[in-house]
Amino acid sequence: MYTKQFEIRWSDIDANKHLANSAYINFMSHTRTAFLKENGFSLMTLSKAGLGPVVFYEHINYFKESFLSEVITVSLEVSGLSEKGTFFKFEHNFYNVKGDNLAFCEIFGAWINLNTRKLTELPNELLELTDQFPKAKDFKILTKEDTRISSRRPVNLPFED
């Protein structure tokens, strides 16, 4: 399990004086970026490969509040990867200093080619690095069908000429 600690800042709280939902998203993003960098997926490496991550969804369950100046730990485990590395699923947990689980998030995403803006496989040198990722106990090999689990589809507004 990968972990990163954060102190809750004034800018991280909302009108209810607890950790804002947007701060959870930011802390998870920071944790994933640090994790990826430490595992060979630095911004420079991704840029040279013409790759960028894209998020399909983030589902968060909140259990307990956090407040200004508290220190929280955000964990990351990989709960799914596709065989060629196109798709990924991460799990994040938030903990206070006593180890209480404050929140849980599942994030599902993929890698895109930044030139074509299409989903893409990882190059072999990056795909090999994923073997060392910390895996969740319920880790699974992802397929394209896993992207359709929610059955949500875009519904456009009617267009008038």
N, C-alpha and C. Protein backbone atom coordinates (compact mmCIF):
# COMPACT_ATOMS: atom_id res chain seq x y z
N MET A 1 0.84 -1.17 0.00
CA MET A 1 0.00 0.00 0.00
C MET A 1 0.88 1.24 0.00
N TYR A 2 0.55 2.18 -0.88
CA TYR A 2 1.26 3.45 -0.95
C TYR A 2 0.48 4.46 -0.11
N THR A 3 1.19 5.30 0.66
CA THR A 3 0.51 6.32 1.46
C THR A 3 1.20 7.67 1.34
N LYS A 4 0.43 8.71 1.56
CA LYS A 4 0.93 10.08 1.57
C LYS A 4 0.18 10.84 2.65
N GLN A 5 0.89 11.67 3.41
CA GLN A 5 0.26 12.44 4.48
C GLN A 5 0.05 13.89 4.07
N PHE A 6 -1.03 14.47 4.61
CA PHE A 6 -1.37 15.86 4.35
C PHE A 6 -1.87 16.50 5.64
N GLU A 7 -1.56 17.79 5.81
CA GLU A 7 -2.17 18.56 6.88
C GLU A 7 -3.28 19.37 6.25
N ILE A 8 -4.45 19.36 6.86
CA ILE A 8 -5.60 20.08 6.32
C ILE A 8 -5.39 21.58 6.53
N ARG A 9 -5.39 22.29 5.42
CA ARG A 9 -5.15 23.73 5.41
C ARG A 9 -6.48 24.49 5.39
N TRP A 10 -6.39 25.78 5.67
CA TRP A 10 -7.57 26.65 5.63
C TRP A 10 -8.29 26.52 4.30
N SER A 11 -7.55 26.47 3.22
CA SER A 11 -8.15 26.40 1.87
C SER A 11 -8.79 25.04 1.58
N ASP A 12 -8.60 24.05 2.45
CA ASP A 12 -9.15 22.71 2.26
C ASP A 12 -10.52 22.52 2.92
N ILE A 13 -10.94 23.48 3.74
CA ILE A 13 -12.21 23.30 4.45
C ILE A 13 -13.32 24.09 3.74
N ASP A 14 -14.57 23.69 4.04
CA ASP A 14 -15.71 24.35 3.41
C ASP A 14 -16.52 25.12 4.46
N ALA A 15 -17.70 25.59 4.08
CA ALA A 15 -18.54 26.39 4.98
C ALA A 15 -18.96 25.62 6.22
N ASN A 16 -18.94 24.31 6.18
CA ASN A 16 -19.28 23.49 7.36
C ASN A 16 -18.08 23.26 8.27
N LYS A 17 -16.96 23.87 7.93
CA LYS A 17 -15.72 23.82 8.72
C LYS A 17 -15.09 22.42 8.76
N HIS A 18 -15.42 21.59 7.76
CA HIS A 18 -14.76 20.29 7.64
C HIS A 18 -14.14 20.18 6.25
N LEU A 19 -13.38 19.11 6.03
CA LEU A 19 -12.68 18.93 4.77
C LEU A 19 -13.68 18.94 3.61
N ALA A 20 -13.46 19.82 2.66
CA ALA A 20 -14.35 19.98 1.51
C ALA A 20 -14.21 18.81 0.54
N ASN A 21 -15.30 18.47 -0.14
CA ASN A 21 -15.23 17.35 -1.08
C ASN A 21 -14.19 17.61 -2.17
N SER A 22 -14.02 18.84 -2.60
CA SER A 22 -13.01 19.14 -3.62
C SER A 22 -11.60 18.87 -3.10
N ALA A 23 -11.38 19.03 -1.80
CA ALA A 23 -10.06 18.75 -1.21
C ALA A 23 -9.76 17.25 -1.25
N TYR A 24 -10.78 16.42 -1.05
CA TYR A 24 -10.58 14.97 -1.18
C TYR A 24 -10.05 14.65 -2.58
N ILE A 25 -10.67 15.23 -3.59
CA ILE A 25 -10.26 15.01 -4.98
C ILE A 25 -8.81 15.46 -5.18
N ASN A 26 -8.48 16.64 -4.64
CA ASN A 26 -7.12 17.16 -4.79
C ASN A 26 -6.09 16.31 -4.07
N PHE A 27 -6.40 15.84 -2.86
CA PHE A 27 -5.48 14.99 -2.12
C PHE A 27 -5.26 13.65 -2.84
N MET A 28 -6.33 13.10 -3.41
CA MET A 28 -6.18 11.85 -4.15
C MET A 28 -5.33 12.06 -5.40
N SER A 29 -5.56 13.15 -6.10
CA SER A 29 -4.79 13.45 -7.30
C SER A 29 -3.31 13.62 -6.97
N HIS A 30 -3.03 14.33 -5.90
CA HIS A 30 -1.64 14.52 -5.45
C HIS A 30 -1.01 13.18 -5.10
N THR A 31 -1.77 12.33 -4.40
CA THR A 31 -1.26 11.01 -4.02
C THR A 31 -0.97 10.16 -5.26
N ARG A 32 -1.88 10.16 -6.24
CA ARG A 32 -1.66 9.38 -7.46
C ARG A 32 -0.46 9.89 -8.25
N THR A 33 -0.32 11.20 -8.34
CA THR A 33 0.80 11.79 -9.07
C THR A 33 2.13 11.41 -8.41
N ALA A 34 2.19 11.49 -7.09
CA ALA A 34 3.42 11.11 -6.38
C ALA A 34 3.70 9.63 -6.56
N PHE A 35 2.65 8.81 -6.43
CA PHE A 35 2.80 7.36 -6.61
C PHE A 35 3.33 7.04 -8.01
N LEU A 36 2.71 7.62 -9.02
CA LEU A 36 3.14 7.34 -10.39
C LEU A 36 4.58 7.79 -10.62
N LYS A 37 4.93 8.98 -10.13
CA LYS A 37 6.30 9.48 -10.29
C LYS A 37 7.30 8.53 -9.64
N GLU A 38 7.00 8.09 -8.42
CA GLU A 38 7.90 7.19 -7.69
C GLU A 38 7.99 5.80 -8.32
N ASN A 39 7.05 5.50 -9.22
CA ASN A 39 7.04 4.20 -9.87
C ASN A 39 7.36 4.28 -11.36
N GLY A 40 8.10 5.33 -11.76
CA GLY A 40 8.60 5.43 -13.13
C GLY A 40 7.70 6.13 -14.12
N PHE A 41 6.58 6.69 -13.66
CA PHE A 41 5.63 7.38 -14.53
C PHE A 41 5.69 8.89 -14.28
N SER A 42 6.89 9.47 -14.35
CA SER A 42 7.04 10.90 -14.11
C SER A 42 6.38 11.69 -15.24
N LEU A 43 6.13 12.96 -14.99
CA LEU A 43 5.55 13.83 -16.02
C LEU A 43 6.44 13.86 -17.26
N MET A 44 7.75 13.87 -17.06
CA MET A 44 8.69 13.87 -18.17
C MET A 44 8.56 12.57 -18.98
N THR A 45 8.50 11.44 -18.30
CA THR A 45 8.37 10.14 -18.96
C THR A 45 7.06 10.06 -19.75
N LEU A 46 5.98 10.48 -19.11
CA LEU A 46 4.67 10.46 -19.78
C LEU A 46 4.65 11.40 -20.97
N SER A 47 5.26 12.56 -20.82
CA SER A 47 5.31 13.53 -21.92
C SER A 47 6.09 12.98 -23.11
N LYS A 48 7.23 12.35 -22.84
CA LYS A 48 8.02 11.74 -23.93
C LYS A 48 7.25 10.65 -24.64
N ALA A 49 6.41 9.91 -23.88
CA ALA A 49 5.61 8.83 -24.47
C ALA A 49 4.33 9.36 -25.10
N GLY A 50 4.05 10.66 -24.91
CA GLY A 50 2.83 11.24 -25.46
C GLY A 50 1.57 10.75 -24.77
N LEU A 51 1.68 10.43 -23.47
CA LEU A 51 0.57 9.86 -22.71
C LEU A 51 0.04 10.81 -21.65
N GLY A 52 -1.24 10.66 -21.38
CA GLY A 52 -1.87 11.36 -20.27
C GLY A 52 -2.96 10.51 -19.67
N PRO A 53 -3.17 10.62 -18.35
CA PRO A 53 -4.25 9.86 -17.73
C PRO A 53 -5.58 10.59 -17.90
N VAL A 54 -6.64 9.82 -18.06
CA VAL A 54 -7.99 10.39 -18.13
C VAL A 54 -8.87 9.61 -17.14
N VAL A 55 -9.69 10.33 -16.39
CA VAL A 55 -10.55 9.73 -15.37
C VAL A 55 -11.94 9.53 -15.95
N PHE A 56 -12.49 8.32 -15.82
CA PHE A 56 -13.86 8.03 -16.22
C PHE A 56 -14.82 8.32 -15.08
N TYR A 57 -14.45 7.92 -13.86
CA TYR A 57 -15.28 8.24 -12.71
C TYR A 57 -14.47 8.15 -11.43
N GLU A 58 -14.96 8.86 -10.41
CA GLU A 58 -14.46 8.77 -9.04
C GLU A 58 -15.69 8.64 -8.15
N HIS A 59 -15.81 7.55 -7.43
CA HIS A 59 -16.91 7.34 -6.49
C HIS A 59 -16.36 7.42 -5.08
N ILE A 60 -16.88 8.36 -4.30
CA ILE A 60 -16.38 8.57 -2.94
C ILE A 60 -17.46 8.25 -1.93
N ASN A 61 -17.07 7.52 -0.90
CA ASN A 61 -17.93 7.28 0.26
C ASN A 61 -17.28 7.99 1.44
N TYR A 62 -18.05 8.85 2.10
CA TYR A 62 -17.56 9.59 3.26
C TYR A 62 -18.07 8.93 4.53
N PHE A 63 -17.17 8.71 5.51
CA PHE A 63 -17.53 8.04 6.74
C PHE A 63 -17.47 8.94 7.97
N LYS A 64 -16.46 9.80 8.02
CA LYS A 64 -16.22 10.60 9.23
C LYS A 64 -15.58 11.92 8.83
N GLU A 65 -15.89 12.97 9.54
CA GLU A 65 -15.37 14.30 9.22
C GLU A 65 -13.89 14.47 9.59
N SER A 66 -13.26 15.43 8.89
CA SER A 66 -11.90 15.87 9.20
C SER A 66 -11.93 17.39 9.27
N PHE A 67 -11.03 17.94 10.10
CA PHE A 67 -11.09 19.37 10.36
C PHE A 67 -9.73 20.04 10.18
N LEU A 68 -9.76 21.36 10.18
CA LEU A 68 -8.58 22.20 10.00
C LEU A 68 -7.43 21.75 10.90
N SER A 69 -6.25 21.70 10.35
CA SER A 69 -4.99 21.37 11.02
C SER A 69 -4.80 19.90 11.34
N GLU A 70 -5.81 19.07 11.11
CA GLU A 70 -5.62 17.63 11.32
C GLU A 70 -4.71 17.07 10.25
N VAL A 71 -3.99 16.03 10.59
CA VAL A 71 -3.14 15.32 9.63
C VAL A 71 -3.89 14.08 9.19
N ILE A 72 -3.97 13.90 7.88
CA ILE A 72 -4.63 12.73 7.32
C ILE A 72 -3.65 11.97 6.43
N THR A 73 -3.90 10.69 6.31
CA THR A 73 -3.11 9.84 5.43
C THR A 73 -4.03 9.35 4.32
N VAL A 74 -3.55 9.47 3.08
CA VAL A 74 -4.29 8.99 1.92
C VAL A 74 -3.53 7.79 1.36
N SER A 75 -4.23 6.67 1.24
CA SER A 75 -3.60 5.46 0.70
C SER A 75 -3.98 5.27 -0.76
N LEU A 76 -3.19 4.45 -1.44
CA LEU A 76 -3.47 4.08 -2.82
C LEU A 76 -3.12 2.61 -3.00
N GLU A 77 -4.05 1.87 -3.58
CA GLU A 77 -3.80 0.51 -4.02
C GLU A 77 -4.40 0.36 -5.41
N VAL A 78 -3.77 -0.43 -6.24
CA VAL A 78 -4.27 -0.68 -7.58
C VAL A 78 -5.23 -1.87 -7.49
N SER A 79 -6.48 -1.64 -7.86
CA SER A 79 -7.47 -2.72 -7.79
C SER A 79 -7.78 -3.31 -9.16
N GLY A 80 -7.21 -2.71 -10.21
CA GLY A 80 -7.41 -3.28 -11.54
C GLY A 80 -6.50 -2.65 -12.57
N LEU A 81 -6.07 -3.47 -13.53
CA LEU A 81 -5.30 -3.04 -14.69
C LEU A 81 -5.69 -3.93 -15.85
N SER A 82 -5.74 -3.35 -17.04
CA SER A 82 -5.98 -4.18 -18.21
C SER A 82 -4.66 -4.80 -18.67
N GLU A 83 -4.75 -5.84 -19.47
CA GLU A 83 -3.54 -6.58 -19.86
C GLU A 83 -2.51 -5.71 -20.56
N LYS A 84 -2.95 -4.77 -21.37
CA LYS A 84 -2.02 -3.88 -22.10
C LYS A 84 -1.85 -2.54 -21.40
N GLY A 85 -2.45 -2.41 -20.21
CA GLY A 85 -2.26 -1.20 -19.42
C GLY A 85 -3.15 -0.03 -19.76
N THR A 86 -4.04 -0.18 -20.73
CA THR A 86 -4.90 0.94 -21.13
C THR A 86 -5.75 1.43 -19.97
N PHE A 87 -6.42 0.50 -19.27
CA PHE A 87 -7.34 0.86 -18.19
C PHE A 87 -6.72 0.60 -16.83
N PHE A 88 -7.09 1.43 -15.86
CA PHE A 88 -6.63 1.25 -14.49
C PHE A 88 -7.75 1.58 -13.52
N LYS A 89 -7.70 0.94 -12.36
CA LYS A 89 -8.62 1.25 -11.27
C LYS A 89 -7.81 1.34 -10.00
N PHE A 90 -7.96 2.45 -9.28
CA PHE A 90 -7.26 2.67 -8.02
C PHE A 90 -8.28 2.78 -6.89
N GLU A 91 -7.84 2.40 -5.70
CA GLU A 91 -8.62 2.60 -4.49
C GLU A 91 -7.84 3.52 -3.57
N HIS A 92 -8.53 4.52 -3.04
CA HIS A 92 -7.96 5.43 -2.05
C HIS A 92 -8.74 5.29 -0.76
N ASN A 93 -8.03 5.31 0.36
CA ASN A 93 -8.65 5.42 1.67
C ASN A 93 -8.04 6.61 2.38
N PHE A 94 -8.84 7.27 3.19
CA PHE A 94 -8.41 8.40 4.01
C PHE A 94 -8.45 7.96 5.46
N TYR A 95 -7.39 8.27 6.21
CA TYR A 95 -7.29 7.88 7.62
C TYR A 95 -6.86 9.07 8.46
N ASN A 96 -7.36 9.14 9.70
CA ASN A 96 -6.86 10.14 10.64
C ASN A 96 -5.66 9.55 11.39
N VAL A 97 -5.10 10.30 12.33
CA VAL A 97 -3.89 9.84 13.03
C VAL A 97 -4.15 8.63 13.92
N LYS A 98 -5.41 8.37 14.25
CA LYS A 98 -5.76 7.19 15.05
C LYS A 98 -6.00 5.96 14.16
N GLY A 99 -5.95 6.16 12.85
CA GLY A 99 -6.18 5.05 11.93
C GLY A 99 -7.63 4.85 11.55
N ASP A 100 -8.50 5.77 11.98
CA ASP A 100 -9.92 5.67 11.61
C ASP A 100 -10.07 5.94 10.11
N ASN A 101 -10.85 5.11 9.45
CA ASN A 101 -11.12 5.26 8.01
C ASN A 101 -12.16 6.36 7.82
N LEU A 102 -11.74 7.47 7.22
CA LEU A 102 -12.59 8.64 7.05
C LEU A 102 -13.38 8.62 5.76
N ALA A 103 -12.80 8.05 4.71
CA ALA A 103 -13.45 8.03 3.40
C ALA A 103 -12.78 6.97 2.52
N PHE A 104 -13.52 6.54 1.52
CA PHE A 104 -13.03 5.56 0.54
C PHE A 104 -13.41 6.07 -0.85
N CYS A 105 -12.51 5.88 -1.81
CA CYS A 105 -12.80 6.27 -3.19
C CYS A 105 -12.28 5.21 -4.15
N GLU A 106 -13.11 4.93 -5.15
CA GLU A 106 -12.69 4.09 -6.27
C GLU A 106 -12.63 5.00 -7.49
N ILE A 107 -11.51 4.96 -8.19
CA ILE A 107 -11.34 5.76 -9.40
C ILE A 107 -11.01 4.83 -10.55
N PHE A 108 -11.67 5.06 -11.67
CA PHE A 108 -11.47 4.26 -12.87
C PHE A 108 -11.03 5.19 -13.99
N GLY A 109 -9.97 4.81 -14.70
CA GLY A 109 -9.45 5.67 -15.76
C GLY A 109 -8.71 4.89 -16.81
N ALA A 110 -8.08 5.64 -17.69
CA ALA A 110 -7.34 5.05 -18.80
C ALA A 110 -6.24 6.02 -19.22
N TRP A 111 -5.39 5.53 -20.10
CA TRP A 111 -4.34 6.35 -20.69
C TRP A 111 -4.77 6.76 -22.09
N ILE A 112 -4.51 8.03 -22.44
CA ILE A 112 -4.80 8.50 -23.79
C ILE A 112 -3.51 8.94 -24.47
N ASN A 113 -3.51 8.82 -25.78
CA ASN A 113 -2.45 9.38 -26.61
C ASN A 113 -2.76 10.87 -26.73
N LEU A 114 -1.85 11.71 -26.30
CA LEU A 114 -2.10 13.15 -26.28
C LEU A 114 -2.15 13.78 -27.67
N ASN A 115 -1.65 13.08 -28.68
CA ASN A 115 -1.73 13.59 -30.06
C ASN A 115 -3.05 13.22 -30.72
N THR A 116 -3.45 11.96 -30.60
CA THR A 116 -4.67 11.50 -31.25
C THR A 116 -5.91 11.69 -30.39
N ARG A 117 -5.70 11.88 -29.07
CA ARG A 117 -6.78 12.02 -28.09
C ARG A 117 -7.62 10.75 -28.00
N LYS A 118 -7.01 9.61 -28.29
CA LYS A 118 -7.66 8.30 -28.24
C LYS A 118 -7.05 7.47 -27.12
N LEU A 119 -7.85 6.52 -26.60
CA LEU A 119 -7.32 5.58 -25.62
C LEU A 119 -6.16 4.81 -26.23
N THR A 120 -5.18 4.50 -25.40
CA THR A 120 -3.99 3.82 -25.91
C THR A 120 -3.43 2.83 -24.89
N GLU A 121 -2.68 1.88 -25.38
CA GLU A 121 -1.96 0.94 -24.53
C GLU A 121 -0.70 1.60 -24.00
N LEU A 122 -0.21 1.07 -22.89
CA LEU A 122 1.07 1.55 -22.38
C LEU A 122 2.21 0.96 -23.20
N PRO A 123 3.27 1.73 -23.44
CA PRO A 123 4.44 1.15 -24.06
C PRO A 123 5.02 0.07 -23.14
N ASN A 124 5.69 -0.91 -23.71
CA ASN A 124 6.19 -2.05 -22.93
C ASN A 124 7.03 -1.65 -21.72
N GLU A 125 7.89 -0.63 -21.87
CA GLU A 125 8.75 -0.25 -20.74
C GLU A 125 7.93 0.28 -19.56
N LEU A 126 6.80 0.92 -19.81
CA LEU A 126 5.93 1.36 -18.72
C LEU A 126 5.03 0.22 -18.23
N LEU A 127 4.55 -0.59 -19.14
CA LEU A 127 3.70 -1.72 -18.76
C LEU A 127 4.44 -2.65 -17.79
N GLU A 128 5.72 -2.87 -18.04
CA GLU A 128 6.52 -3.73 -17.16
C GLU A 128 6.60 -3.16 -15.74
N LEU A 129 6.60 -1.84 -15.62
CA LEU A 129 6.68 -1.20 -14.30
C LEU A 129 5.43 -1.46 -13.47
N THR A 130 4.29 -1.69 -14.13
CA THR A 130 3.03 -1.90 -13.40
C THR A 130 3.04 -3.21 -12.61
N ASP A 131 3.93 -4.12 -12.95
CA ASP A 131 4.02 -5.38 -12.20
C ASP A 131 4.38 -5.13 -10.74
N GLN A 132 5.05 -4.01 -10.47
CA GLN A 132 5.49 -3.69 -9.11
C GLN A 132 4.48 -2.86 -8.33
N PHE A 133 3.39 -2.45 -8.95
CA PHE A 133 2.38 -1.65 -8.26
C PHE A 133 1.78 -2.42 -7.09
N PRO A 134 1.48 -1.74 -5.96
CA PRO A 134 0.81 -2.42 -4.85
C PRO A 134 -0.63 -2.75 -5.25
N LYS A 135 -0.97 -4.03 -5.20
CA LYS A 135 -2.29 -4.48 -5.64
C LYS A 135 -3.23 -4.67 -4.45
N ALA A 136 -4.47 -4.28 -4.65
CA ALA A 136 -5.51 -4.51 -3.64
C ALA A 136 -5.81 -6.01 -3.58
N LYS A 137 -6.36 -6.46 -2.45
CA LYS A 137 -6.64 -7.88 -2.29
C LYS A 137 -7.66 -8.38 -3.31
N ASP A 138 -8.51 -7.50 -3.82
CA ASP A 138 -9.50 -7.89 -4.83
C ASP A 138 -9.10 -7.45 -6.24
N PHE A 139 -7.80 -7.34 -6.48
CA PHE A 139 -7.28 -6.93 -7.79
C PHE A 139 -7.83 -7.81 -8.90
N LYS A 140 -8.14 -7.19 -10.05
CA LYS A 140 -8.61 -7.96 -11.20
C LYS A 140 -8.04 -7.39 -12.48
N ILE A 141 -7.98 -8.23 -13.50
CA ILE A 141 -7.59 -7.79 -14.84
C ILE A 141 -8.81 -7.14 -15.47
N LEU A 142 -8.66 -5.89 -15.90
CA LEU A 142 -9.77 -5.13 -16.47
C LEU A 142 -9.90 -5.38 -17.97
N THR A 143 -11.14 -5.29 -18.44
CA THR A 143 -11.42 -5.36 -19.87
C THR A 143 -12.23 -4.13 -20.26
N LYS A 144 -12.43 -3.93 -21.54
CA LYS A 144 -13.20 -2.78 -22.01
C LYS A 144 -14.63 -2.82 -21.44
N GLU A 145 -15.16 -4.01 -21.20
CA GLU A 145 -16.50 -4.14 -20.63
C GLU A 145 -16.58 -3.51 -19.24
N ASP A 146 -15.47 -3.49 -18.51
CA ASP A 146 -15.47 -2.88 -17.19
C ASP A 146 -15.73 -1.37 -17.26
N THR A 147 -15.49 -0.76 -18.40
CA THR A 147 -15.76 0.68 -18.56
C THR A 147 -17.25 0.95 -18.68
N ARG A 148 -18.04 -0.06 -18.92
CA ARG A 148 -19.48 0.09 -19.16
C ARG A 148 -20.33 -0.35 -17.97
N ILE A 149 -19.70 -0.65 -16.84
CA ILE A 149 -20.43 -1.20 -15.69
C ILE A 149 -21.56 -0.28 -15.23
N SER A 150 -21.36 1.02 -15.23
CA SER A 150 -22.39 1.92 -14.72
C SER A 150 -23.58 2.04 -15.66
N SER A 151 -23.42 1.66 -16.89
CA SER A 151 -24.43 1.76 -17.95
C SER A 151 -24.88 3.19 -18.23
N ARG A 152 -24.12 4.16 -17.77
CA ARG A 152 -24.41 5.57 -18.06
C ARG A 152 -23.97 5.87 -19.48
N ARG A 153 -24.78 6.62 -20.18
CA ARG A 153 -24.46 7.07 -21.54
C ARG A 153 -24.75 8.56 -21.61
N PRO A 154 -24.06 9.29 -22.47
CA PRO A 154 -24.33 10.72 -22.59
C PRO A 154 -25.76 10.96 -23.12
N VAL A 155 -26.41 11.98 -22.58
CA VAL A 155 -27.72 12.41 -23.06
C VAL A 155 -27.58 13.88 -23.40
N ASN A 156 -27.57 14.19 -24.68
CA ASN A 156 -27.37 15.55 -25.14
C ASN A 156 -28.66 16.37 -25.05
N LEU A 157 -28.50 17.67 -24.95
CA LEU A 157 -29.65 18.56 -25.04
C LEU A 157 -30.13 18.59 -26.47
N PRO A 158 -31.43 18.79 -26.69
CA PRO A 158 -31.92 18.88 -28.08
C PRO A 158 -31.29 20.09 -28.77
N PHE A 159 -30.89 19.89 -30.00
CA PHE A 159 -30.26 20.96 -30.78
C PHE A 159 -31.29 21.55 -31.73
N GLU A 160 -31.38 22.87 -31.69
CA GLU A 160 -32.32 23.54 -32.60
C GLU A 160 -31.53 24.37 -33.58
N ASP A 161 -31.90 24.28 -34.86
CA ASP A 161 -31.22 25.07 -35.91
C ASP A 161 -31.67 26.49 -35.94
